[in-house]
Amino acid sequence: MLGNVKVQAYIQELQGMRSSRTQIDADRVLTELAKIAFSDIKNVFELTEEGLGLKPLDQMSDEVSGAIESLECVTTETEAGSRTVVKVRLHSKLSALGAIAKLIGMDKEAAIKAVIGMGYLVVDPRTNEAVAVD
């Protein structure tokens, strides 16, 4: 049925209606993936008098906070006082870059050529041989 032009058109129409209804489209998805793919951990922390600390969430941009997968605060009490440790995990940059590459139509071969073109050695993990660009 997916080979039927009318079925394909109807599916596209339904997808367009869903996109309008939910306000989710390819541009919005790419924007969110870009937050992750191009995030920098330096934008999550700041130097304080006590040392390295998490920036206040209300001072983080949407781009920075959108790249955070999880925050965990653990406070331990000792005789010397309390100590709080903050653990920050960012979403996977590699996964986001892969998803972006798929959405913009950048295939694996083009990505490999681009990386080799930047001067990096690319090795086929199956054979351990360097990949050559034609």
Foldseek 3Di string as FASTA:
>chain_A
DCVDPVVVVVVVVVVVVVCVVVVDDLVVLLLLLCLQQVEDVVQQWDQDPVGIDGDPPVPHDCSHVSQWPDKDWDWDQDPVGIDIDIDTDGPDNVVSVVVNCVSVVNDPLNVVVVVVVVVDWDADVVPRHTDDDD
